[in-house]
Amino acid sequence: MLKRDYLIKQFEEFGKVLAVLMGLKRDGKLPEFTSAVNDTALKYTGLELEETEKLPDDRLIAILTGERKLSDEQLKMLADLLYAKADTYAGDSDGDKIRNAYRKALIVYQFIQASATLPYSLDTHYKLEFLKQYFSEAG
């Protein structure tokens, strides 16, 4: 019961942080948004997003769950932050950064959907559907 209460509190706190982040993004404060996203990732997962973005796709889950020992909850938070950060890369002319961040988020979301002990999330479902469509159209 204590673990469940702790997780609920952690998700509620994380939800508030995401709302602040989206406000910064909406207001066009991209440097502040990027800094806050990175700080949030470090606080909740112990990882910097830039470090995560550099991890190889084929070993991403093994590194995050094995070497870094992230919990299912931390994986969900990491995927949400990667997804949010990908949008800030939209101005890149080659699109490599946005595709990489979205691909990392997709890999983590797919793992969560298939293997995690988290309850079903409509938010995760919609993000997965968007990412699958994004990559099917991108080729």
Protein backbone atom coordinates (compact mmCIF):
# COMPACT_ATOMS: atom_id res chain seq x y z
CA MET A 1 0.00 0.00 0.00
CA LEU A 2 2.83 2.42 0.81
CA LYS A 3 4.51 1.79 -2.55
CA ARG A 4 1.23 2.39 -4.38
CA ASP A 5 0.65 5.66 -2.51
CA TYR A 6 4.22 6.74 -3.26
CA LEU A 7 3.79 5.96 -6.96
CA ILE A 8 0.51 7.85 -7.15
CA LYS A 9 2.13 10.86 -5.48
CA GLN A 10 5.12 10.65 -7.82
CA PHE A 11 2.91 10.49 -10.93
CA GLU A 12 0.80 13.41 -9.67
CA GLU A 13 3.95 15.46 -9.08
CA PHE A 14 5.30 14.49 -12.49
CA GLY A 15 1.99 15.47 -14.10
CA LYS A 16 2.26 18.94 -12.58
CA VAL A 17 5.82 19.25 -13.87
CA LEU A 18 4.68 18.22 -17.36
CA ALA A 19 1.97 20.89 -17.25
CA VAL A 20 4.60 23.54 -16.43
CA LEU A 21 6.81 22.22 -19.23
CA MET A 22 3.98 22.38 -21.76
CA GLY A 23 3.25 25.95 -20.63
CA LEU A 24 6.86 26.94 -21.34
CA LYS A 25 6.66 25.27 -24.73
CA ARG A 26 3.33 26.88 -25.57
CA ASP A 27 4.73 30.31 -24.63
CA GLY A 28 7.68 29.79 -26.97
CA LYS A 29 10.25 29.70 -24.17
CA LEU A 30 12.24 26.90 -25.80
CA PRO A 31 15.56 27.42 -23.98
CA GLU A 32 13.74 27.33 -20.63
CA PHE A 33 11.67 24.37 -21.80
CA THR A 34 14.73 22.40 -22.91
CA SER A 35 16.55 23.13 -19.66
CA ALA A 36 13.52 22.17 -17.57
CA VAL A 37 12.98 18.94 -19.55
CA ASN A 38 16.59 17.94 -18.99
CA ASP A 39 16.41 18.82 -15.28
CA THR A 40 13.18 16.84 -14.93
CA ALA A 41 14.67 13.78 -16.62
CA LEU A 42 17.67 13.92 -14.32
CA LYS A 43 15.45 14.33 -11.23
CA TYR A 44 13.04 11.48 -12.03
CA THR A 45 15.29 9.01 -13.84
CA GLY A 46 18.87 9.91 -12.99
CA LEU A 47 19.56 10.25 -16.73
CA GLU A 48 20.11 13.23 -18.95
CA LEU A 49 17.98 13.17 -22.07
CA GLU A 50 20.94 13.94 -24.30
CA GLU A 51 22.68 10.87 -22.88
CA THR A 52 19.58 8.78 -23.55
CA GLU A 53 19.31 10.08 -27.10
CA LYS A 54 22.84 8.84 -27.79
CA LEU A 55 22.13 5.28 -26.66
CA PRO A 56 21.90 2.67 -29.44
CA ASP A 57 18.32 1.74 -30.34
CA ASP A 58 19.00 -1.99 -30.27
CA ARG A 59 20.33 -1.83 -26.70
CA LEU A 60 18.15 0.97 -25.33
CA ILE A 61 15.83 -1.15 -23.20
CA ALA A 62 18.65 -3.40 -21.97
CA ILE A 63 20.65 -0.38 -20.85
CA LEU A 64 17.69 1.40 -19.26
CA THR A 65 16.33 -1.63 -17.42
CA GLY A 66 19.54 -3.61 -16.85
CA GLU A 67 22.43 -1.23 -16.39
CA ARG A 68 20.44 1.82 -15.24
CA LYS A 69 17.77 -0.21 -13.43
CA LEU A 70 14.92 2.15 -14.26
CA SER A 71 11.52 1.15 -12.95
CA ASP A 72 8.46 0.96 -15.19
CA GLU A 73 7.35 4.31 -13.81
CA GLN A 74 10.70 5.91 -14.61
CA LEU A 75 10.61 4.44 -18.11
CA LYS A 76 7.19 6.01 -18.69
CA MET A 77 8.44 9.36 -17.46
CA LEU A 78 11.52 9.12 -19.67
CA ALA A 79 9.41 8.28 -22.73
CA ASP A 80 7.08 11.20 -22.01
CA LEU A 81 10.03 13.58 -21.74
CA LEU A 82 11.64 12.27 -24.94
CA TYR A 83 8.32 12.69 -26.71
CA ALA A 84 7.95 16.25 -25.44
CA LYS A 85 11.53 17.15 -26.32
CA ALA A 86 11.20 15.77 -29.85
CA ASP A 87 8.77 18.57 -30.67
CA THR A 88 11.41 21.18 -29.88
CA TYR A 89 13.61 19.71 -32.61
CA ALA A 90 10.95 20.38 -35.25
CA GLY A 91 12.93 23.34 -36.58
CA ASP A 92 15.95 21.22 -37.51
CA SER A 93 16.33 21.16 -41.26
CA ASP A 94 17.44 17.52 -41.50
CA GLY A 95 15.00 16.16 -38.94
CA ASP A 96 17.51 13.68 -37.51
CA LYS A 97 17.09 14.90 -33.95
CA ILE A 98 13.29 14.75 -33.98
CA ARG A 99 13.29 11.27 -35.54
CA ASN A 100 15.85 10.02 -33.01
CA ALA A 101 13.97 11.37 -29.98
CA TYR A 102 10.65 10.06 -31.31
CA ARG A 103 12.25 6.68 -32.10
CA LYS A 104 13.62 6.39 -28.56
CA ALA A 105 10.22 7.32 -27.13
CA LEU A 106 8.54 4.74 -29.39
CA ILE A 107 10.93 1.98 -28.28
CA VAL A 108 10.28 2.74 -24.62
CA TYR A 109 6.50 3.08 -25.07
CA GLN A 110 6.38 -0.26 -26.93
CA PHE A 111 8.33 -1.91 -24.13
CA ILE A 112 5.99 -0.41 -21.54
CA GLN A 113 2.95 -1.59 -23.45
CA ALA A 114 4.29 -5.12 -23.84
CA SER A 115 6.12 -5.71 -20.58
CA ALA A 116 5.48 -3.13 -17.91
CA THR A 117 3.32 -3.56 -14.85
CA LEU A 118 1.75 -0.12 -15.27
CA PRO A 119 -1.99 0.19 -15.74
CA TYR A 120 -3.32 0.90 -19.23
CA SER A 121 -2.84 4.53 -20.20
CA LEU A 122 -4.89 6.24 -22.88
CA ASP A 123 -2.18 8.90 -23.12
CA THR A 124 0.45 6.25 -23.89
CA HIS A 125 -1.92 4.61 -26.39
CA TYR A 126 -2.38 7.85 -28.34
CA LYS A 127 1.33 8.64 -28.30
CA LEU A 128 2.10 5.15 -29.59
CA GLU A 129 -0.44 5.50 -32.37
CA PHE A 130 1.01 8.87 -33.38
CA LEU A 131 4.57 7.53 -33.36
CA LYS A 132 3.65 4.44 -35.39
CA GLN A 133 1.96 6.64 -37.97
CA TYR A 134 4.86 9.11 -37.95
CA PHE A 135 7.37 6.38 -38.75
CA SER A 136 5.15 4.64 -41.30
CA GLU A 137 4.80 7.94 -43.19
CA ALA A 138 8.47 8.88 -42.77
CA GLY A 139 9.47 5.59 -44.31
